Structure formats: C-alpha cells, structure tokens
Amino acid sequence: MMHQALRQESWGQTPRHRSRKRRIAWIATGVVALGSLIAMAIPIIQGKTEYPEFTLATSVLAVQQARDANVERWVPELMADAERTLRSAQLETRLQHAKLLPFRDYTFARTLLEQTKEKATRAVVDGSAVREEARAGSEGARDQAQQLLGTTVEFAKAMHLNAYDRSLIQKARILLDQASILHQEGEYIEAVDAAREAGEKALRVGDRAVGLAARYTDATLVRKWRGWIDETIAWSRRTGSPAVIVNKEKHVVTLYDNGVAVKTYRGELGYNSIQDKHYGGDNATPEGRYHVTSKKGLGQSRYHKALLISYPNEDDRREFDRMRKAGQIPNRVGMGSLIEVHGDGGRGRDWTNGCVALTNRDMDDLFARVGVGTPITIVGGDGSGGIYTDLIRGRERSKLAKPEADGNP
C-alpha cells in the first residue's frame, strides 16, 4: 500500500493534484474565451461591423444626381471613375455583409463610398463648368456664322452669284438653323460644328465675292477712275457743257454742268455689273469714257427713252483683243454693242444686260438736259466708298476667326 501511494504521488496523480490541474485548465480556457470575446467585441464597439446604410444611400444619390445632370456628356472620364468607385464600394459592402457579424469590417467600404461622393460632386462641378464653356462657345460660333452669312447675303444682293454659290448660301442658312435648334436642346458641341460648317460655306462664297469686288479697292484702278472723273469734270468746266458720270459702285448717275454737279439719279446696271464689260453677253456694264451717239425718243427704243453711247471705244477694243489672244475670251463671242442709258428703271435691283436704267421721270429729265456728243464717263468707283468697298470692310471686321474648311461643299 505504501509503495502504491508512493507511485501515485510520484506520478502526480493524487486527487488534489488532478483537481488543481483541472482548475488551471479551466482558467486558461476561460481566459482564451474571454480574449476571443473581447477581440470580437472590439470591432463591434468601434462600429466597424455596422452596415453603412446612410453612407451607401448618399453615395448612390450623389452618382444619380450626376447622371441626372448629364455630366457624362461633358466629363465622361470623371463620371466613369465615380461609377467605378461606387461599384467597388457596393461589392465590398456585399462581401462584408456575407460574413458573420463579429468578422465584418466595413472600413474599406466606407472609404470607397466617401470617395464616390467626392468624385460624383467633382464631376457635377467640373461638368457644369465644361457645359457652360461649351454653351458660350456655341453662342460665339453661331454669332460669327450669322455675321459671315449676313455679309455674304449682302454680297449676293449686290452682285450676280452663280448657282453653286447660291446653293452654298442656302446650305449655310439650313446649317445655321440646325445650330440654333441644337443649342436650344443643349447639344452645344453639335451646335458649334453646325455653326462652323455654316460659316465655312458662307466664307467660301464670300471669298469668291471678295475676289470679284476687290477691284473696287485696288489703288491702281481707283486712281484711273479718279482720273477719268477729274478729266470729265474739267472738260465740263472748260466748255461750259453738260457731262454725265456713272458711278457703278454707288449706283449713282451725276449730271454736271459747267463743272458743277447739278443733278443726281439712281441708276440700275447690268446684273453682272461688279465686273467691267469684256464681251457681248457677259451682262456687265462697261467702264470707260464714252459719249452720246444718238438720242432715242418715245417709240424709238424698246424702253421709255434711251441715250446710245459710244461703246466699244478704242480702249475696249484693245482689251478685247488682248484677252482673246490670252485665251480669256471664247472665240465664238464678240464685243457686244448697243449700250444705252435708258428708262424703265426703278426696279430696285440690277437687271439690264449691261445698260444703265433710270426711272422714266429721271430719264425724261436727263434726256432734256443732254445732247449728242455729251460725255458719259462710267467708272467702277471713286475711292470714297460704296456697296462693294463697304461690304469688304464690313466682312473683314466680322471675320473674327476663319473656320477651318472641312473640304466638303
């Protein structure tokens, strides 16, 4: 018995010893369990496991407001970034929600949701700024196109345009109307494109018109015309006789007597009067120093009355020969003739085949004041302004920036 007790005591298997070991084990287990409970409770206490319902809702609302503001139209990259961040936040929220409560941690989800709100807000602010800039650009483009088109239309009224140029003006009008509609609908980028294309088409016509009208601002030509005017007035003063000067650009017919302007009339010209006359059928009113070769009273002319002038003169013939030799005039055409100052005018537009038309009342007055041999000098202009000069200057003022051509008519 003594030996058995000694063995049990030596192996630590006494009842008292075993009871102590169990208590120690229980204590250790309790400590571990308590530590685990505390560890699981800390995230809960810190709020990491709380579902971010409000933050998620406000983030979704911020993105929806950005969508409603159509900021994707103006800042697509910012809007796409905000939506990507929202999707990542929603995914992270779902992943955490699938875990047991103690193991949930919505910290990263909240960070993503806050970033979503910041990005959506920035998209709205930046998108509004870009949209406002586009709106202002649309207004500017439409205003410029309207100015260019308006000037081109004035050119069209002042001269005879070919069918192609008239079609371009019509296309420009349509495009400008489209630009206005797009602007009202908030499609500012498309409105700018339409307005620029309208301005470009108007500019093409205007460039060609300016090419024709530029001769009225050519210093050499203006000096020549001024010389003709001065010589005609001087002749009237020297002889004490009447003389007539026709200013094509101003559409004014002036009667001089003793070198003094005594009467002015409104003249209507050939519908291609912007150019000098080069051959028969070009419908241009000639420029040069002529004189009355015959007077046609009532019943002697197809018009009310008429003064036939000495076109073509020697200068006209030399220029005709030069242009024909240079291949600038078709061989089948001649110089033309029968240029008159006649009645039946007053139509408010250039319409003759090259003559100068007055109202019947003015024709009666002029007819009574002049005779065969009276000088009639026709000039393009006198350098003091007129319809073509004014249009060129106005166009240059309105052409703030030339739209880039797209290569398409």
Protein backbone atom coordinates (compact mmCIF):
# COMPACT_ATOMS: atom_id res chain seq x y z
CA MET A 1 0.00 0.00 0.00
CA MET A 2 2.82 2.30 0.87
CA HIS A 3 4.51 1.55 -2.43
CA GLN A 4 1.28 2.24 -4.39
CA ALA A 5 0.79 5.56 -2.69
CA LEU A 6 4.39 6.46 -3.34
CA ARG A 7 3.94 5.64 -7.09
CA GLN A 8 0.75 7.68 -7.34
CA GLU A 9 2.35 10.62 -5.61
CA SER A 10 5.44 10.37 -7.76
CA TRP A 11 3.32 10.40 -10.97
CA GLY A 12 1.31 13.45 -9.78
CA GLN A 13 -1.92 11.59 -9.86
CA THR A 14 -3.13 12.42 -6.42
CA PRO A 15 -6.72 13.67 -6.32
CA ARG A 16 -5.61 17.00 -5.02
CA HIS A 17 -3.07 17.38 -7.82
CA ARG A 18 -5.54 16.43 -10.52
CA SER A 19 -8.11 18.90 -9.20
CA ARG A 20 -5.57 21.71 -9.31
CA LYS A 21 -4.64 20.94 -12.91
CA ARG A 22 -8.28 20.99 -13.94
CA ARG A 23 -8.77 24.38 -12.34
CA ILE A 24 -5.75 25.72 -14.14
CA ALA A 25 -7.06 24.37 -17.46
CA TRP A 26 -10.46 25.88 -16.85
CA ILE A 27 -8.94 29.21 -16.03
CA ALA A 28 -6.79 29.11 -19.15
CA THR A 29 -9.79 28.19 -21.28
CA GLY A 30 -11.78 30.99 -19.73
CA VAL A 31 -9.03 33.46 -20.36
CA VAL A 32 -8.79 32.41 -24.00
CA ALA A 33 -12.53 32.56 -24.41
CA LEU A 34 -12.67 35.94 -22.77
CA GLY A 35 -9.86 37.17 -25.02
CA SER A 36 -11.73 35.90 -28.07
CA LEU A 37 -14.91 37.58 -26.92
CA ILE A 38 -13.06 40.81 -26.30
CA ALA A 39 -11.36 40.54 -29.71
CA MET A 40 -14.72 40.01 -31.40
CA ALA A 41 -16.33 42.78 -29.41
CA ILE A 42 -13.71 45.42 -30.28
CA PRO A 43 -14.79 45.79 -33.99
CA ILE A 44 -18.39 45.93 -32.88
CA ILE A 45 -17.61 48.54 -30.25
CA GLN A 46 -15.57 50.51 -32.80
CA GLY A 47 -18.51 50.41 -35.24
CA LYS A 48 -16.58 48.58 -37.97
CA THR A 49 -19.29 45.96 -38.26
CA GLU A 50 -22.13 48.47 -38.57
CA TYR A 51 -23.76 48.37 -42.01
CA PRO A 52 -23.03 51.75 -43.77
CA GLU A 53 -26.61 52.27 -44.83
CA PHE A 54 -26.65 56.08 -44.78
CA THR A 55 -23.23 56.46 -46.44
CA LEU A 56 -24.23 53.98 -49.14
CA ALA A 57 -27.51 55.77 -49.79
CA THR A 58 -25.88 59.23 -50.02
CA SER A 59 -23.19 57.89 -52.37
CA VAL A 60 -25.77 56.31 -54.67
CA LEU A 61 -27.76 59.56 -54.59
CA ALA A 62 -24.66 61.62 -55.48
CA VAL A 63 -23.97 59.45 -58.51
CA GLN A 64 -27.62 59.57 -59.57
CA GLN A 65 -27.65 63.36 -59.33
CA ALA A 66 -24.56 63.47 -61.52
CA ARG A 67 -26.29 61.23 -64.04
CA ASP A 68 -29.40 63.41 -63.97
CA ALA A 69 -27.21 66.45 -64.61
CA ASN A 70 -25.90 64.65 -67.73
CA VAL A 71 -22.32 65.33 -66.69
CA GLU A 72 -21.22 62.20 -68.53
CA ARG A 73 -21.74 64.28 -71.69
CA TRP A 74 -19.13 66.80 -70.56
CA VAL A 75 -16.72 64.96 -68.23
CA PRO A 76 -17.07 61.29 -69.21
CA GLU A 77 -13.83 60.18 -67.53
CA LEU A 78 -14.71 61.74 -64.17
CA MET A 79 -18.21 60.27 -64.29
CA ALA A 80 -16.89 56.83 -65.23
CA ASP A 81 -14.42 56.98 -62.32
CA ALA A 82 -17.19 57.85 -59.86
CA GLU A 83 -19.34 54.97 -61.09
CA ARG A 84 -16.43 52.50 -60.95
CA THR A 85 -15.71 53.53 -57.37
CA LEU A 86 -19.38 53.11 -56.45
CA ARG A 87 -19.47 49.60 -57.92
CA SER A 88 -16.33 48.67 -55.96
CA ALA A 89 -17.88 50.07 -52.76
CA GLN A 90 -21.12 48.16 -53.31
CA LEU A 91 -19.19 44.93 -53.94
CA GLU A 92 -17.08 45.41 -50.81
CA THR A 93 -20.24 46.12 -48.80
CA ARG A 94 -21.86 42.90 -50.01
CA LEU A 95 -18.74 40.85 -49.25
CA GLN A 96 -18.59 42.14 -45.68
CA HIS A 97 -22.33 41.67 -45.18
CA ALA A 98 -21.98 37.98 -46.09
CA LYS A 99 -19.66 37.40 -43.12
CA LEU A 100 -20.69 36.69 -39.54
CA LEU A 101 -21.22 39.87 -37.55
CA PRO A 102 -18.02 39.72 -35.50
CA PHE A 103 -15.93 39.28 -38.63
CA ARG A 104 -17.42 42.14 -40.65
CA ASP A 105 -15.37 45.26 -41.33
CA TYR A 106 -16.94 47.96 -43.44
CA THR A 107 -13.99 50.37 -43.07
CA PHE A 108 -12.75 49.99 -46.66
CA ALA A 109 -16.33 50.07 -47.98
CA ARG A 110 -16.92 53.38 -46.19
CA THR A 111 -13.70 54.78 -47.64
CA LEU A 112 -14.82 53.82 -51.15
CA LEU A 113 -18.26 55.29 -50.58
CA GLU A 114 -16.80 58.61 -49.40
CA GLN A 115 -14.54 58.66 -52.47
CA THR A 116 -17.62 58.02 -54.61
CA LYS A 117 -19.39 61.08 -53.21
CA GLU A 118 -16.31 63.25 -53.70
CA LYS A 119 -15.84 62.09 -57.31
CA ALA A 120 -19.53 62.50 -58.17
CA THR A 121 -19.55 66.01 -56.69
CA ARG A 122 -16.42 66.93 -58.62
CA ALA A 123 -17.96 65.55 -61.80
CA VAL A 124 -21.02 67.77 -61.31
CA VAL A 125 -18.91 70.88 -60.66
CA ASP A 126 -16.45 70.27 -63.50
CA GLY A 127 -19.20 69.12 -65.84
CA SER A 128 -21.16 72.31 -65.22
CA ALA A 129 -18.08 74.39 -65.99
CA VAL A 130 -17.38 72.48 -69.21
CA ARG A 131 -21.04 72.70 -70.24
CA GLU A 132 -21.08 76.45 -69.65
CA GLU A 133 -17.92 76.84 -71.69
CA ALA A 134 -19.48 74.79 -74.49
CA ARG A 135 -22.65 76.88 -74.33
CA ALA A 136 -20.65 80.09 -74.64
CA GLY A 137 -18.67 78.56 -77.50
CA SER A 138 -21.89 77.61 -79.24
CA GLU A 139 -23.24 81.15 -78.94
CA GLY A 140 -19.99 82.60 -80.24
CA ALA A 141 -19.84 80.20 -83.17
CA ARG A 142 -23.45 80.97 -84.12
CA ASP A 143 -22.91 84.72 -83.85
CA GLN A 144 -19.82 84.56 -86.03
CA ALA A 145 -21.53 82.35 -88.61
CA GLN A 146 -24.51 84.73 -88.64
CA GLN A 147 -22.21 87.69 -89.30
CA LEU A 148 -20.41 85.89 -92.09
CA LEU A 149 -23.66 84.71 -93.64
CA GLY A 150 -25.23 88.16 -93.32
CA THR A 151 -22.31 89.79 -95.11
CA THR A 152 -22.34 87.10 -97.78
CA VAL A 153 -26.07 87.60 -98.34
CA GLU A 154 -25.40 91.32 -98.79
CA PHE A 155 -22.80 90.45 -101.41
CA ALA A 156 -25.34 88.18 -103.06
CA LYS A 157 -27.83 91.05 -103.24
CA ALA A 158 -25.19 93.34 -104.70
CA MET A 159 -23.95 91.03 -107.43
CA HIS A 160 -24.96 88.13 -109.59
CA LEU A 161 -23.86 84.84 -107.99
CA ASN A 162 -23.68 81.57 -109.85
CA ALA A 163 -25.97 78.66 -109.00
CA TYR A 164 -23.29 76.88 -106.98
CA ASP A 165 -22.69 79.86 -104.71
CA ARG A 166 -26.41 80.39 -104.25
CA SER A 167 -26.74 76.75 -103.20
CA LEU A 168 -23.93 77.18 -100.66
CA ILE A 169 -25.72 80.16 -99.14
CA GLN A 170 -28.90 78.09 -98.83
CA LYS A 171 -26.96 75.24 -97.17
CA ALA A 172 -25.38 77.72 -94.78
CA ARG A 173 -28.83 79.00 -93.80
CA ILE A 174 -30.05 75.46 -93.11
CA LEU A 175 -26.97 74.63 -91.04
CA LEU A 176 -27.33 77.82 -89.04
CA ASP A 177 -30.97 76.93 -88.29
CA GLN A 178 -29.81 73.48 -87.18
CA ALA A 179 -27.19 75.06 -84.94
CA SER A 180 -29.87 77.16 -83.25
CA ILE A 181 -32.08 74.12 -82.64
CA LEU A 182 -29.17 72.09 -81.26
CA HIS A 183 -28.20 74.96 -78.99
CA GLN A 184 -31.72 75.17 -77.58
CA GLU A 185 -31.61 71.41 -76.91
CA GLY A 186 -28.32 71.74 -75.05
CA GLU A 187 -26.32 69.93 -77.73
CA TYR A 188 -23.66 72.61 -77.72
CA ILE A 189 -20.83 70.63 -79.31
CA GLU A 190 -23.00 69.63 -82.26
CA ALA A 191 -24.28 73.22 -82.45
CA VAL A 192 -20.71 74.50 -82.75
CA ASP A 193 -19.99 72.01 -85.53
CA ALA A 194 -23.09 73.04 -87.48
CA ALA A 195 -22.40 76.75 -86.98
CA ARG A 196 -18.79 76.40 -88.07
CA GLU A 197 -19.80 74.50 -91.18
CA ALA A 198 -22.37 77.19 -91.96
CA GLY A 199 -19.74 79.89 -91.51
CA GLU A 200 -17.28 77.98 -93.65
CA LYS A 201 -19.73 77.71 -96.53
CA ALA A 202 -20.64 81.38 -96.25
CA LEU A 203 -16.95 82.18 -96.14
CA ARG A 204 -16.32 80.29 -99.37
CA VAL A 205 -18.91 82.33 -101.19
CA GLY A 206 -17.66 85.47 -99.52
CA ASP A 207 -14.08 84.74 -100.57
CA ARG A 208 -15.13 84.40 -104.18
CA ALA A 209 -17.26 87.51 -103.95
CA VAL A 210 -14.43 89.45 -102.36
CA GLY A 211 -12.18 88.27 -105.17
CA LEU A 212 -14.54 89.91 -107.62
CA ALA A 213 -15.18 93.01 -105.55
CA ALA A 214 -11.53 93.57 -104.64
CA ARG A 215 -11.04 95.55 -107.84
CA TYR A 216 -13.09 98.34 -106.26
CA THR A 217 -10.41 98.79 -103.60
CA ASP A 218 -7.49 98.36 -106.00
CA ALA A 219 -5.40 101.54 -105.74
CA THR A 220 -4.33 101.48 -109.39
CA LEU A 221 -7.87 101.13 -110.69
CA VAL A 222 -9.20 103.75 -108.28
CA ARG A 223 -6.55 106.23 -109.48
CA LYS A 224 -7.54 105.56 -113.09
CA TRP A 225 -11.22 106.05 -112.33
CA ARG A 226 -10.49 109.22 -110.39
CA GLY A 227 -8.52 110.48 -113.35
CA TRP A 228 -11.46 109.87 -115.69
CA ILE A 229 -13.78 111.70 -113.29
CA ASP A 230 -11.46 114.68 -112.94
CA GLU A 231 -10.95 114.93 -116.71
CA THR A 232 -14.69 114.77 -117.36
CA ILE A 233 -15.49 117.46 -114.77
CA ALA A 234 -12.64 119.62 -116.07
CA TRP A 235 -13.97 119.28 -119.64
CA SER A 236 -17.45 120.35 -118.47
CA ARG A 237 -15.99 123.34 -116.63
CA ARG A 238 -13.80 124.33 -119.57
CA THR A 239 -16.53 124.04 -122.20
CA GLY A 240 -19.48 125.07 -120.07
CA SER A 241 -21.29 121.96 -121.34
CA PRO A 242 -23.10 119.12 -119.58
CA ALA A 243 -21.34 115.84 -118.81
CA VAL A 244 -22.51 112.65 -117.11
CA ILE A 245 -20.60 110.41 -114.68
CA VAL A 246 -21.93 106.97 -113.75
CA ASN A 247 -20.55 105.52 -110.50
CA LYS A 248 -21.26 101.79 -110.66
CA GLU A 249 -20.40 101.03 -107.05
CA LYS A 250 -22.71 103.72 -105.74
CA HIS A 251 -25.33 103.22 -108.46
CA VAL A 252 -25.39 106.99 -108.91
CA VAL A 253 -25.68 108.89 -112.20
CA THR A 254 -24.50 112.50 -111.79
CA LEU A 255 -25.11 115.30 -114.30
CA TYR A 256 -22.50 118.07 -114.34
CA ASP A 257 -22.89 121.47 -115.97
CA ASN A 258 -20.06 123.98 -116.07
CA GLY A 259 -18.11 121.55 -113.90
CA VAL A 260 -20.73 121.58 -111.16
CA ALA A 261 -22.94 118.65 -110.12
CA VAL A 262 -26.48 119.82 -110.82
CA LYS A 263 -28.49 116.59 -110.67
CA THR A 264 -28.15 113.01 -109.44
CA TYR A 265 -30.20 109.96 -110.40
CA ARG A 266 -30.39 106.41 -109.12
CA GLY A 267 -29.06 104.00 -111.74
CA GLU A 268 -29.64 100.28 -112.19
CA LEU A 269 -26.96 98.35 -114.05
CA GLY A 270 -26.21 95.06 -115.72
CA TYR A 271 -26.81 92.21 -113.29
CA ASN A 272 -23.12 91.30 -113.59
CA SER A 273 -22.09 94.90 -113.07
CA ILE A 274 -19.44 94.11 -110.47
CA GLN A 275 -17.12 93.42 -113.38
CA ASP A 276 -16.07 95.51 -116.33
CA LYS A 277 -17.61 94.55 -119.63
CA HIS A 278 -15.33 92.31 -121.71
CA TYR A 279 -17.58 90.80 -124.38
CA GLY A 280 -21.15 90.64 -125.61
CA GLY A 281 -23.41 88.61 -123.35
CA ASP A 282 -21.40 88.95 -120.14
CA ASN A 283 -24.19 91.21 -118.78
CA ALA A 284 -21.66 93.68 -117.34
CA THR A 285 -21.87 97.46 -117.60
CA PRO A 286 -18.73 98.79 -119.32
CA GLU A 287 -16.25 101.18 -117.72
CA GLY A 288 -14.66 103.95 -119.75
CA ARG A 289 -15.04 107.39 -121.29
CA TYR A 290 -17.86 107.48 -123.82
CA HIS A 291 -20.24 110.00 -125.35
CA VAL A 292 -23.83 110.05 -126.54
CA THR A 293 -24.05 108.92 -130.16
CA SER A 294 -27.82 109.21 -130.56
CA LYS A 295 -30.97 110.08 -128.65
CA LYS A 296 -33.98 107.77 -128.93
CA GLY A 297 -37.29 109.37 -128.06
CA LEU A 298 -40.63 107.75 -127.36
CA GLY A 299 -41.30 104.92 -129.78
CA GLN A 300 -37.69 104.79 -131.00
CA SER A 301 -36.44 102.45 -128.28
CA ARG A 302 -37.72 99.29 -126.66
CA TYR A 303 -37.54 101.29 -123.42
CA HIS A 304 -39.16 104.56 -122.45
CA LYS A 305 -36.33 106.66 -123.92
CA ALA A 306 -32.64 105.97 -124.46
CA LEU A 307 -29.23 107.56 -124.95
CA LEU A 308 -26.99 105.31 -127.03
CA ILE A 309 -23.34 105.62 -126.03
CA SER A 310 -20.09 105.02 -127.93
CA TYR A 311 -19.30 101.58 -126.59
CA PRO A 312 -16.97 99.97 -127.58
CA ASN A 313 -14.26 102.61 -127.68
CA GLU A 314 -10.64 102.07 -128.69
CA ASP A 315 -9.58 101.05 -125.18
CA ASP A 316 -12.35 98.44 -125.11
CA ARG A 317 -11.24 97.01 -128.45
CA ARG A 318 -7.59 96.75 -127.38
CA GLU A 319 -8.54 94.99 -124.16
CA PHE A 320 -10.85 92.62 -126.03
CA ASP A 321 -8.06 91.68 -128.46
CA ARG A 322 -5.60 91.18 -125.61
CA MET A 323 -7.94 88.92 -123.68
CA ARG A 324 -8.84 86.89 -126.76
CA LYS A 325 -5.17 86.30 -127.60
CA ALA A 326 -4.60 85.27 -123.98
CA GLY A 327 -7.45 82.74 -124.24
CA GLN A 328 -9.52 84.60 -121.66
CA ILE A 329 -12.43 85.15 -124.03
CA PRO A 330 -14.14 82.42 -126.08
CA ASN A 331 -13.61 82.72 -129.85
CA ARG A 332 -17.33 82.43 -130.51
CA VAL A 333 -18.25 85.71 -128.76
CA GLY A 334 -17.98 89.28 -129.96
CA MET A 335 -17.53 92.60 -128.16
CA GLY A 336 -21.17 93.48 -127.89
CA SER A 337 -22.80 96.83 -128.56
CA LEU A 338 -25.96 98.90 -128.05
CA ILE A 339 -25.08 100.05 -124.55
CA GLU A 340 -27.54 102.75 -123.51
CA VAL A 341 -28.72 104.90 -120.67
CA HIS A 342 -32.45 104.22 -120.85
CA GLY A 343 -35.73 104.33 -118.97
CA ASP A 344 -37.97 101.69 -117.39
CA GLY A 345 -35.76 101.55 -114.30
CA GLY A 346 -36.81 101.85 -110.68
CA ARG A 347 -36.92 98.10 -110.05
CA GLY A 348 -34.59 98.29 -107.06
CA ARG A 349 -32.05 95.86 -108.45
CA ASP A 350 -29.51 95.44 -111.23
CA TRP A 351 -31.28 93.75 -114.11
CA THR A 352 -30.07 95.02 -117.50
CA ASN A 353 -27.78 93.29 -119.96
CA GLY A 354 -25.15 95.98 -119.44
CA CYS A 355 -27.04 99.25 -119.83
CA VAL A 356 -27.80 101.92 -117.24
CA ALA A 357 -31.51 102.18 -116.39
CA LEU A 358 -33.24 105.20 -114.83
CA THR A 359 -36.82 105.70 -113.82
CA ASN A 360 -38.90 107.20 -116.61
CA ARG A 361 -39.17 110.52 -114.77
CA ASP A 362 -35.40 110.74 -114.34
CA MET A 363 -34.87 109.65 -117.92
CA ASP A 364 -37.14 112.45 -119.14
CA ASP A 365 -35.12 114.96 -117.09
CA LEU A 366 -31.71 113.73 -118.26
CA PHE A 367 -32.90 113.35 -121.85
CA ALA A 368 -33.86 117.02 -121.90
CA ARG A 369 -30.52 118.21 -120.48
CA VAL A 370 -28.02 116.40 -122.75
CA GLY A 371 -27.42 116.05 -126.46
CA VAL A 372 -25.44 114.01 -128.96
CA GLY A 373 -21.76 114.30 -128.06
CA THR A 374 -22.33 114.74 -124.32
CA PRO A 375 -19.59 112.84 -122.44
CA ILE A 376 -20.77 109.88 -120.39
CA THR A 377 -17.99 108.50 -118.20
CA ILE A 378 -18.62 105.21 -116.42
CA VAL A 379 -16.35 104.28 -113.50
CA GLY A 380 -16.32 101.39 -111.05
CA GLY A 381 -15.98 103.76 -108.11
CA ASP A 382 -14.17 106.82 -106.86
CA GLY A 383 -12.41 105.51 -103.76
CA SER A 384 -14.81 107.16 -101.33
CA GLY A 385 -16.73 104.01 -100.51
CA GLY A 386 -19.73 102.25 -101.90
CA ILE A 387 -21.53 98.95 -101.75
CA TYR A 388 -18.54 96.71 -102.59
CA THR A 389 -15.95 98.68 -100.62
CA ASP A 390 -18.22 98.80 -97.58
CA LEU A 391 -19.01 95.10 -97.77
CA ILE A 392 -15.34 94.17 -97.96
CA ARG A 393 -14.51 96.33 -94.97
CA GLY A 394 -17.50 95.06 -93.02
CA ARG A 395 -16.62 91.47 -93.80
CA GLU A 396 -13.09 91.91 -92.55
CA ARG A 397 -14.44 93.35 -89.31
CA SER A 398 -16.87 90.47 -88.84
CA LYS A 399 -14.40 87.74 -89.75
CA LEU A 400 -13.03 87.35 -86.25
CA ALA A 401 -11.67 83.87 -86.91
CA LYS A 402 -11.84 81.92 -90.09
CA PRO A 403 -13.42 78.46 -89.55
CA GLU A 404 -11.35 75.59 -90.75
CA ALA A 405 -12.61 74.17 -94.02
CA ASP A 406 -13.71 70.55 -93.98
CA GLY A 407 -13.09 70.05 -97.65
CA ASN A 408 -16.77 69.42 -98.41
CA PRO A 409 -19.03 71.82 -100.28
